[in-house]
Amino acid sequence: MSNFLTSAFDTVRRSALDAARLALPQRCELCAGVSGTELVCNACMRDLPWLSSACPVCALPTSGSACGRCLSDPPAFDATVAAFSYAFPIDRLIHSFKYQGRLALAEWCADAVLARRERSAASAKSPPQRLIGLPLAVERQRERGYNQAQEIARVIGARTGIPILTRALHRIRATPPQAALPWTERAKNVRGAFACDLDLSGLRIAVVDDVMTTGASLAEAAKILKASGAVSVENWIVARTLPPAG
């Protein structure tokens, strides 16, 4: 489907959903109060852990400038835009989306990412030319039935007109879930997990995912994409996990 048709389809689909939500008002995903056409009511939206001042490279909280780690040991990716800290109740929303089939939350996640990107320093740069949803292992996607990152990327693509590359990046080996591993083991776990089959020469890429924890998977993906010719790689993320205290 062409980008024009995808965007037109998304507009019609969103109008139909809004009409349905007006006829049958939504209940907020968080407080269960009436929320009109929105999945999360205005009061709950104001109380969410928005991530406003963060390192433009890794999205960990800073005064807004690049953090010391990114300056001394730059990751393979060039920038990260994250809408929220991964804390309550964002963890609850993402869990519902990721594991309970609440696919309607893909639109909410996409809109939050785009809103954050518009306010970020990255917005002053040339926009990405292609989107890639961070791929799941085949077995994991088959078990879940969908890839949450790809669902968010699909909506972002429809909103922005940026083409999505659905087969550029793929996992060539299954790895244990990152969440089950200590932070120090995660980079080793995903080493060599991705491959890219397309020539990306000269392209600016945005990789979309739901949660960024250590950034190990995204760094490995960026390394592979740049080896295939990408000139820059941004991460577009719904929520950023903060490092353990202490």
C-alpha atoms as a PDB file:
ATOM      1  CA  MET A   1       0.000   0.000   0.000  1.00  0.00           C
ATOM      2  CA  SER A   2       1.420   3.430  -0.960  1.00  0.00           C
ATOM      3  CA  ASN A   3       2.149   6.050   1.702  1.00  0.00           C
ATOM      4  CA  PHE A   4      -0.703   8.209   0.370  1.00  0.00           C
ATOM      5  CA  LEU A   5      -3.192   5.360   0.604  1.00  0.00           C
ATOM      6  CA  THR A   6      -1.871   4.361   4.027  1.00  0.00           C
ATOM      7  CA  SER A   7      -2.296   7.922   5.305  1.00  0.00           C
ATOM      8  CA  ALA A   8      -5.767   8.208   3.759  1.00  0.00           C
ATOM      9  CA  PHE A   9      -6.795   4.885   5.263  1.00  0.00           C
ATOM     10  CA  ASP A  10      -5.528   5.985   8.676  1.00  0.00           C
ATOM     11  CA  THR A  11      -7.490   9.257   8.440  1.00  0.00           C
ATOM     12  CA  VAL A  12     -10.707   7.427   7.565  1.00  0.00           C
ATOM     13  CA  ARG A  13     -10.065   4.830  10.253  1.00  0.00           C
ATOM     14  CA  ARG A  14      -9.396   7.473  12.893  1.00  0.00           C
ATOM     15  CA  SER A  15     -12.567   9.377  11.927  1.00  0.00           C
ATOM     16  CA  ALA A  16     -14.588   6.178  12.212  1.00  0.00           C
ATOM     17  CA  LEU A  17     -13.047   5.402  15.603  1.00  0.00           C
ATOM     18  CA  ASP A  18     -13.723   8.940  16.846  1.00  0.00           C
ATOM     19  CA  ALA A  19     -17.348   8.669  15.713  1.00  0.00           C
ATOM     20  CA  ALA A  20     -17.690   5.349  17.508  1.00  0.00           C
ATOM     21  CA  ARG A  21     -16.115   6.770  20.651  1.00  0.00           C
ATOM     22  CA  LEU A  22     -18.490   9.734  20.601  1.00  0.00           C
ATOM     23  CA  ALA A  23     -21.448   7.395  20.254  1.00  0.00           C
ATOM     24  CA  LEU A  24     -20.061   5.142  22.978  1.00  0.00           C
ATOM     25  CA  PRO A  25     -17.821   7.354  25.164  1.00  0.00           C
ATOM     26  CA  GLN A  26     -14.494   5.873  26.180  1.00  0.00           C
ATOM     27  CA  ARG A  27     -13.529   4.954  29.694  1.00  0.00           C
ATOM     28  CA  CYS A  28     -10.032   6.074  30.630  1.00  0.00           C
ATOM     29  CA  GLU A  29      -7.515   3.215  30.538  1.00  0.00           C
ATOM     30  CA  LEU A  30      -6.154   4.346  33.899  1.00  0.00           C
ATOM     31  CA  CYS A  31      -8.940   5.735  36.105  1.00  0.00           C
ATOM     32  CA  ALA A  32     -11.976   4.287  34.273  1.00  0.00           C
ATOM     33  CA  GLY A  33     -13.570   7.740  34.204  1.00  0.00           C
ATOM     34  CA  VAL A  34     -15.389   8.967  31.096  1.00  0.00           C
ATOM     35  CA  SER A  35     -12.759  10.233  28.642  1.00  0.00           C
ATOM     36  CA  GLY A  36     -14.782  11.132  25.532  1.00  0.00           C
ATOM     37  CA  THR A  37     -12.878  10.054  22.424  1.00  0.00           C
ATOM     38  CA  GLU A  38      -9.560   9.663  24.224  1.00  0.00           C
ATOM     39  CA  LEU A  39      -8.047   6.475  25.630  1.00  0.00           C
ATOM     40  CA  VAL A  40      -6.576   8.378  28.598  1.00  0.00           C
ATOM     41  CA  CYS A  41      -8.468  11.273  30.186  1.00  0.00           C
ATOM     42  CA  ASN A  42      -7.001  14.766  30.464  1.00  0.00           C
ATOM     43  CA  ALA A  43      -6.497  14.552  34.223  1.00  0.00           C
ATOM     44  CA  CYS A  44      -4.512  11.312  33.952  1.00  0.00           C
ATOM     45  CA  MET A  45      -2.520  12.681  30.995  1.00  0.00           C
ATOM     46  CA  ARG A  46      -1.362  15.621  33.122  1.00  0.00           C
ATOM     47  CA  ASP A  47      -0.159  13.271  35.857  1.00  0.00           C
ATOM     48  CA  LEU A  48       1.872  10.957  33.623  1.00  0.00           C
ATOM     49  CA  PRO A  49       5.681  10.819  34.124  1.00  0.00           C
ATOM     50  CA  TRP A  50       6.557  12.899  31.048  1.00  0.00           C
ATOM     51  CA  LEU A  51      10.266  12.962  30.272  1.00  0.00           C
ATOM     52  CA  SER A  52      11.101  16.581  29.519  1.00  0.00           C
ATOM     53  CA  SER A  53      14.769  17.243  30.313  1.00  0.00           C
ATOM     54  CA  ALA A  54      16.976  14.442  29.051  1.00  0.00           C
ATOM     55  CA  CYS A  55      20.203  13.625  27.257  1.00  0.00           C
ATOM     56  CA  PRO A  56      19.470  14.056  23.531  1.00  0.00           C
ATOM     57  CA  VAL A  57      21.476  10.927  22.752  1.00  0.00           C
ATOM     58  CA  CYS A  58      20.341   8.316  25.303  1.00  0.00           C
ATOM     59  CA  ALA A  59      17.292  10.067  26.875  1.00  0.00           C
ATOM     60  CA  LEU A  60      18.427   9.610  30.474  1.00  0.00           C
ATOM     61  CA  PRO A  61      17.528  12.615  32.653  1.00  0.00           C
ATOM     62  CA  THR A  62      20.015  15.509  32.413  1.00  0.00           C
ATOM     63  CA  SER A  63      19.834  19.283  32.260  1.00  0.00           C
ATOM     64  CA  GLY A  64      19.114  18.821  28.560  1.00  0.00           C
ATOM     65  CA  SER A  65      22.687  18.476  27.300  1.00  0.00           C
ATOM     66  CA  ALA A  66      24.472  15.248  26.377  1.00  0.00           C
ATOM     67  CA  CYS A  67      25.358  13.147  29.405  1.00  0.00           C
ATOM     68  CA  GLY A  68      28.942  12.284  30.358  1.00  0.00           C
ATOM     69  CA  ARG A  69      28.665   8.680  29.226  1.00  0.00           C
ATOM     70  CA  CYS A  70      27.428   9.610  25.747  1.00  0.00           C
ATOM     71  CA  LEU A  71      30.230  12.158  25.421  1.00  0.00           C
ATOM     72  CA  SER A  72      32.983   9.773  26.504  1.00  0.00           C
ATOM     73  CA  ASP A  73      31.646   6.591  24.885  1.00  0.00           C
ATOM     74  CA  PRO A  74      29.088   7.502  22.188  1.00  0.00           C
ATOM     75  CA  PRO A  75      26.595   4.742  21.339  1.00  0.00           C
ATOM     76  CA  ALA A  76      25.978   3.610  17.761  1.00  0.00           C
ATOM     77  CA  PHE A  77      22.718   5.594  17.589  1.00  0.00           C
ATOM     78  CA  ASP A  78      22.732   9.381  17.213  1.00  0.00           C
ATOM     79  CA  ALA A  79      19.677  10.498  19.185  1.00  0.00           C
ATOM     80  CA  THR A  80      16.803   9.222  21.296  1.00  0.00           C
ATOM     81  CA  VAL A  81      13.347  10.718  21.742  1.00  0.00           C
ATOM     82  CA  ALA A  82      11.367   9.239  24.627  1.00  0.00           C
ATOM     83  CA  ALA A  83       7.976  10.499  25.760  1.00  0.00           C
ATOM     84  CA  PHE A  84       7.893   9.141  29.331  1.00  0.00           C
ATOM     85  CA  SER A  85       9.881   7.614  32.132  1.00  0.00           C
ATOM     86  CA  TYR A  86       9.019   3.948  32.446  1.00  0.00           C
ATOM     87  CA  ALA A  87       7.219   4.220  35.756  1.00  0.00           C
ATOM     88  CA  PHE A  88       3.683   3.810  37.063  1.00  0.00           C
ATOM     89  CA  PRO A  89       1.235   4.105  35.368  1.00  0.00           C
ATOM     90  CA  ILE A  90       3.054   4.010  31.996  1.00  0.00           C
ATOM     91  CA  ASP A  91       4.263   0.499  32.814  1.00  0.00           C
ATOM     92  CA  ARG A  92       0.624  -0.553  33.227  1.00  0.00           C
ATOM     93  CA  LEU A  93      -0.407   0.908  29.856  1.00  0.00           C
ATOM     94  CA  ILE A  94       2.510  -0.663  28.000  1.00  0.00           C
ATOM     95  CA  HIS A  95       1.903  -4.025  29.676  1.00  0.00           C
ATOM     96  CA  SER A  96      -1.726  -3.919  28.500  1.00  0.00           C
ATOM     97  CA  PHE A  97      -0.625  -3.065  24.974  1.00  0.00           C
ATOM     98  CA  LYS A  98       2.219  -5.564  24.842  1.00  0.00           C
ATOM     99  CA  TYR A  99       0.773  -8.613  26.541  1.00  0.00           C
ATOM    100  CA  GLN A 100      -3.010  -8.180  26.693  1.00  0.00           C
ATOM    101  CA  GLY A 101      -3.759  -7.321  23.078  1.00  0.00           C
ATOM    102  CA  ARG A 102      -4.840  -3.687  23.659  1.00  0.00           C
ATOM    103  CA  LEU A 103      -3.774  -2.722  20.144  1.00  0.00           C
ATOM    104  CA  ALA A 104      -5.735   0.544  20.292  1.00  0.00           C
ATOM    105  CA  LEU A 105      -2.920   1.814  22.526  1.00  0.00           C
ATOM    106  CA  ALA A 106      -0.589   1.813  19.498  1.00  0.00           C
ATOM    107  CA  GLU A 107      -2.213   5.064  18.378  1.00  0.00           C
ATOM    108  CA  TRP A 108      -1.884   6.594  21.831  1.00  0.00           C
ATOM    109  CA  CYS A 109       1.795   5.570  22.022  1.00  0.00           C
ATOM    110  CA  ALA A 110       2.516   6.913  18.540  1.00  0.00           C
ATOM    111  CA  ASP A 111       0.900  10.270  19.304  1.00  0.00           C
ATOM    112  CA  ALA A 112       2.902  10.598  22.547  1.00  0.00           C
ATOM    113  CA  VAL A 113       6.175   9.891  20.713  1.00  0.00           C
ATOM    114  CA  LEU A 114       5.391  12.398  17.952  1.00  0.00           C
ATOM    115  CA  ALA A 115       4.402  15.076  20.464  1.00  0.00           C
ATOM    116  CA  ARG A 116       7.685  14.587  22.326  1.00  0.00           C
ATOM    117  CA  ARG A 117       9.710  14.620  19.123  1.00  0.00           C
ATOM    118  CA  GLU A 118       8.196  17.948  18.092  1.00  0.00           C
ATOM    119  CA  ARG A 119       9.442  19.480  21.355  1.00  0.00           C
ATOM    120  CA  SER A 120      12.901  17.888  21.232  1.00  0.00           C
ATOM    121  CA  ALA A 121      16.187  19.247  19.889  1.00  0.00           C
ATOM    122  CA  ALA A 122      16.017  16.548  17.207  1.00  0.00           C
ATOM    123  CA  SER A 123      13.059  18.339  15.623  1.00  0.00           C
ATOM    124  CA  ALA A 124      15.440  21.040  14.326  1.00  0.00           C
ATOM    125  CA  LYS A 125      17.320  18.428  12.303  1.00  0.00           C
ATOM    126  CA  SER A 126      16.246  16.850   9.038  1.00  0.00           C
ATOM    127  CA  PRO A 127      13.512  14.292   9.747  1.00  0.00           C
ATOM    128  CA  PRO A 128      14.194  10.594   9.261  1.00  0.00           C
ATOM    129  CA  GLN A 129      13.517   9.234   5.786  1.00  0.00           C
ATOM    130  CA  ARG A 130      12.529   5.729   6.893  1.00  0.00           C
ATOM    131  CA  LEU A 131      10.970   4.074   9.966  1.00  0.00           C
ATOM    132  CA  ILE A 132      11.793   0.636  11.328  1.00  0.00           C
ATOM    133  CA  GLY A 133       9.934  -1.111  14.157  1.00  0.00           C
ATOM    134  CA  LEU A 134      12.508  -2.975  16.259  1.00  0.00           C
ATOM    135  CA  PRO A 135      11.928  -6.619  15.312  1.00  0.00           C
ATOM    136  CA  LEU A 136      11.016  -9.425  17.679  1.00  0.00           C
ATOM    137  CA  ALA A 137      12.366 -12.926  17.412  1.00  0.00           C
ATOM    138  CA  VAL A 138      10.141 -14.990  15.117  1.00  0.00           C
ATOM    139  CA  GLU A 139       9.123 -17.320  17.944  1.00  0.00           C
ATOM    140  CA  ARG A 140       8.200 -14.448  20.245  1.00  0.00           C
ATOM    141  CA  GLN A 141       6.144 -12.660  17.611  1.00  0.00           C
ATOM    142  CA  ARG A 142       4.354 -15.887  16.719  1.00  0.00           C
ATOM    143  CA  GLU A 143       3.507 -16.427  20.391  1.00  0.00           C
ATOM    144  CA  ARG A 144       2.308 -12.829  20.908  1.00  0.00           C
ATOM    145  CA  GLY A 145       0.608 -12.500  17.532  1.00  0.00           C
ATOM    146  CA  TYR A 146       2.016  -9.033  16.778  1.00  0.00           C
ATOM    147  CA  ASN A 147       5.048  -6.823  17.282  1.00  0.00           C
ATOM    148  CA  GLN A 148       4.171  -3.817  19.435  1.00  0.00           C
ATOM    149  CA  ALA A 149       7.046  -1.759  17.965  1.00  0.00           C
ATOM    150  CA  GLN A 150       5.800  -2.412  14.437  1.00  0.00           C
ATOM    151  CA  GLU A 151       2.267  -1.420  15.438  1.00  0.00           C
ATOM    152  CA  ILE A 152       3.500   1.927  16.790  1.00  0.00           C
ATOM    153  CA  ALA A 153       5.675   2.460  13.696  1.00  0.00           C
ATOM    154  CA  ARG A 154       2.696   1.793  11.445  1.00  0.00           C
ATOM    155  CA  VAL A 155       0.704   4.577  13.086  1.00  0.00           C
ATOM    156  CA  ILE A 156       3.648   6.987  13.072  1.00  0.00           C
ATOM    157  CA  GLY A 157       4.176   6.261   9.378  1.00  0.00           C
ATOM    158  CA  ALA A 158       0.524   7.005   8.630  1.00  0.00           C
ATOM    159  CA  ARG A 159       0.653  10.237  10.657  1.00  0.00           C
ATOM    160  CA  THR A 160       3.894  11.535   9.127  1.00  0.00           C
ATOM    161  CA  GLY A 161       4.075   9.967   5.676  1.00  0.00           C
ATOM    162  CA  ILE A 162       7.512   8.487   6.477  1.00  0.00           C
ATOM    163  CA  PRO A 163       7.799   5.083   4.754  1.00  0.00           C
ATOM    164  CA  ILE A 164       8.184   2.007   6.959  1.00  0.00           C
ATOM    165  CA  LEU A 165      10.782  -0.642   6.171  1.00  0.00           C
ATOM    166  CA  THR A 166       9.170  -3.856   7.375  1.00  0.00           C
ATOM    167  CA  ARG A 167      11.831  -6.266   6.132  1.00  0.00           C
ATOM    168  CA  ALA A 168      15.058  -4.291   6.399  1.00  0.00           C
ATOM    169  CA  LEU A 169      16.054  -5.310   9.924  1.00  0.00           C
ATOM    170  CA  HIS A 170      15.395  -8.737  11.353  1.00  0.00           C
ATOM    171  CA  ARG A 171      16.580 -10.944  14.174  1.00  0.00           C
ATOM    172  CA  ILE A 172      18.816 -13.762  13.073  1.00  0.00           C
ATOM    173  CA  ARG A 173      18.823 -15.503  16.425  1.00  0.00           C
ATOM    174  CA  ALA A 174      16.456 -15.652  19.351  1.00  0.00           C
ATOM    175  CA  THR A 175      17.758 -14.254  22.630  1.00  0.00           C
ATOM    176  CA  PRO A 176      16.499 -14.519  26.197  1.00  0.00           C
ATOM    177  CA  PRO A 177      14.205 -11.580  27.061  1.00  0.00           C
ATOM    178  CA  GLN A 178      16.286  -8.563  28.066  1.00  0.00           C
ATOM    179  CA  ALA A 179      14.017  -7.925  31.047  1.00  0.00           C
ATOM    180  CA  ALA A 180      15.088 -11.255  32.548  1.00  0.00           C
ATOM    181  CA  LEU A 181      18.787 -10.338  32.559  1.00  0.00           C
ATOM    182  CA  PRO A 182      20.949  -8.088  34.752  1.00  0.00           C
ATOM    183  CA  TRP A 183      21.734  -4.741  33.124  1.00  0.00           C
ATOM    184  CA  THR A 184      25.408  -5.726  32.754  1.00  0.00           C
ATOM    185  CA  GLU A 185      24.532  -8.805  30.662  1.00  0.00           C
ATOM    186  CA  ARG A 186      22.187  -7.191  28.165  1.00  0.00           C
ATOM    187  CA  ALA A 187      24.717  -5.913  25.608  1.00  0.00           C
ATOM    188  CA  LYS A 188      26.276  -9.372  25.365  1.00  0.00           C
ATOM    189  CA  ASN A 189      22.840 -10.972  25.022  1.00  0.00           C
ATOM    190  CA  VAL A 190      21.925  -9.052  21.833  1.00  0.00           C
ATOM    191  CA  ARG A 191      25.363  -9.046  20.188  1.00  0.00           C
ATOM    192  CA  GLY A 192      24.959 -10.403  16.662  1.00  0.00           C
ATOM    193  CA  ALA A 193      21.182 -10.737  17.053  1.00  0.00           C
ATOM    194  CA  PHE A 194      20.243  -8.515  14.079  1.00  0.00           C
ATOM    195  CA  ALA A 195      20.869  -8.452  10.344  1.00  0.00           C
ATOM    196  CA  CYS A 196      19.903  -6.025   7.586  1.00  0.00           C
ATOM    197  CA  ASP A 197      19.240  -7.170   4.018  1.00  0.00           C
ATOM    198  CA  LEU A 198      18.737  -3.763   2.371  1.00  0.00           C
ATOM    199  CA  ASP A 199      21.122  -1.121   1.104  1.00  0.00           C
ATOM    200  CA  LEU A 200      20.376   1.929   3.263  1.00  0.00           C
ATOM    201  CA  SER A 201      23.053   4.155   1.774  1.00  0.00           C
ATOM    202  CA  GLY A 202      22.459   7.823   2.580  1.00  0.00           C
ATOM    203  CA  LEU A 203      19.245   7.256   4.538  1.00  0.00           C
ATOM    204  CA  ARG A 204      18.291   8.705   7.909  1.00  0.00           C
ATOM    205  CA  ILE A 205      16.510   6.058   9.965  1.00  0.00           C
ATOM    206  CA  ALA A 206      14.247   6.197  13.024  1.00  0.00           C
ATOM    207  CA  VAL A 207      13.925   2.947  14.975  1.00  0.00           C
ATOM    208  CA  VAL A 208      10.664   2.681  16.910  1.00  0.00           C
ATOM    209  CA  ASP A 209      10.209   0.701  20.129  1.00  0.00           C
ATOM    210  CA  ASP A 210       8.042   0.743  23.227  1.00  0.00           C
ATOM    211  CA  VAL A 211      10.605   0.700  26.055  1.00  0.00           C
ATOM    212  CA  MET A 212      14.328   1.500  26.192  1.00  0.00           C
ATOM    213  CA  THR A 213      16.106   0.096  29.232  1.00  0.00           C
ATOM    214  CA  THR A 214      19.895  -0.079  28.814  1.00  0.00           C
ATOM    215  CA  GLY A 215      19.721   0.708  25.094  1.00  0.00           C
ATOM    216  CA  ALA A 216      21.677  -2.446  24.243  1.00  0.00           C
ATOM    217  CA  SER A 217      19.199  -3.743  21.641  1.00  0.00           C
ATOM    218  CA  LEU A 218      18.848  -0.316  20.022  1.00  0.00           C
ATOM    219  CA  ALA A 219      22.621   0.194  19.934  1.00  0.00           C
ATOM    220  CA  GLU A 220      23.115  -3.184  18.270  1.00  0.00           C
ATOM    221  CA  ALA A 221      20.369  -2.401  15.749  1.00  0.00           C
ATOM    222  CA  ALA A 222      21.914   1.001  14.985  1.00  0.00           C
ATOM    223  CA  LYS A 223      25.320  -0.597  14.432  1.00  0.00           C
ATOM    224  CA  ILE A 224      23.856  -2.996  11.864  1.00  0.00           C
ATOM    225  CA  LEU A 225      21.844  -0.266  10.120  1.00  0.00           C
ATOM    226  CA  LYS A 226      24.916   1.960   9.802  1.00  0.00           C
ATOM    227  CA  ALA A 227      26.936  -0.960   8.473  1.00  0.00           C
ATOM    228  CA  SER A 228      24.252  -1.173   5.760  1.00  0.00           C
ATOM    229  CA  GLY A 229      24.760   2.483   4.827  1.00  0.00           C
ATOM    230  CA  ALA A 230      22.435   4.490   7.104  1.00  0.00           C
ATOM    231  CA  VAL A 231      23.927   7.927   7.784  1.00  0.00           C
ATOM    232  CA  SER A 232      22.053   8.456  11.049  1.00  0.00           C
ATOM    233  CA  VAL A 233      19.846   6.454  13.391  1.00  0.00           C
ATOM    234  CA  GLU A 234      17.399   7.937  15.901  1.00  0.00           C
ATOM    235  CA  ASN A 235      15.415   5.990  18.490  1.00  0.00           C
ATOM    236  CA  TRP A 236      11.728   6.911  18.850  1.00  0.00           C
ATOM    237  CA  ILE A 237      10.635   5.424  22.147  1.00  0.00           C
ATOM    238  CA  VAL A 238       7.484   5.529  24.254  1.00  0.00           C
ATOM    239  CA  ALA A 239       9.196   5.133  27.641  1.00  0.00           C
ATOM    240  CA  ARG A 240      12.744   5.223  29.010  1.00  0.00           C
ATOM    241  CA  THR A 241      13.677   3.085  32.008  1.00  0.00           C
ATOM    242  CA  LEU A 242      15.756   4.930  34.571  1.00  0.00           C
ATOM    243  CA  PRO A 243      18.857   3.151  35.918  1.00  0.00           C
ATOM    244  CA  PRO A 244      18.733   1.516  39.352  1.00  0.00           C
ATOM    245  CA  ALA A 245      19.359   3.892  42.225  1.00  0.00           C
ATOM    246  CA  GLY A 246      22.671   3.681  43.989  1.00  0.00           C
END
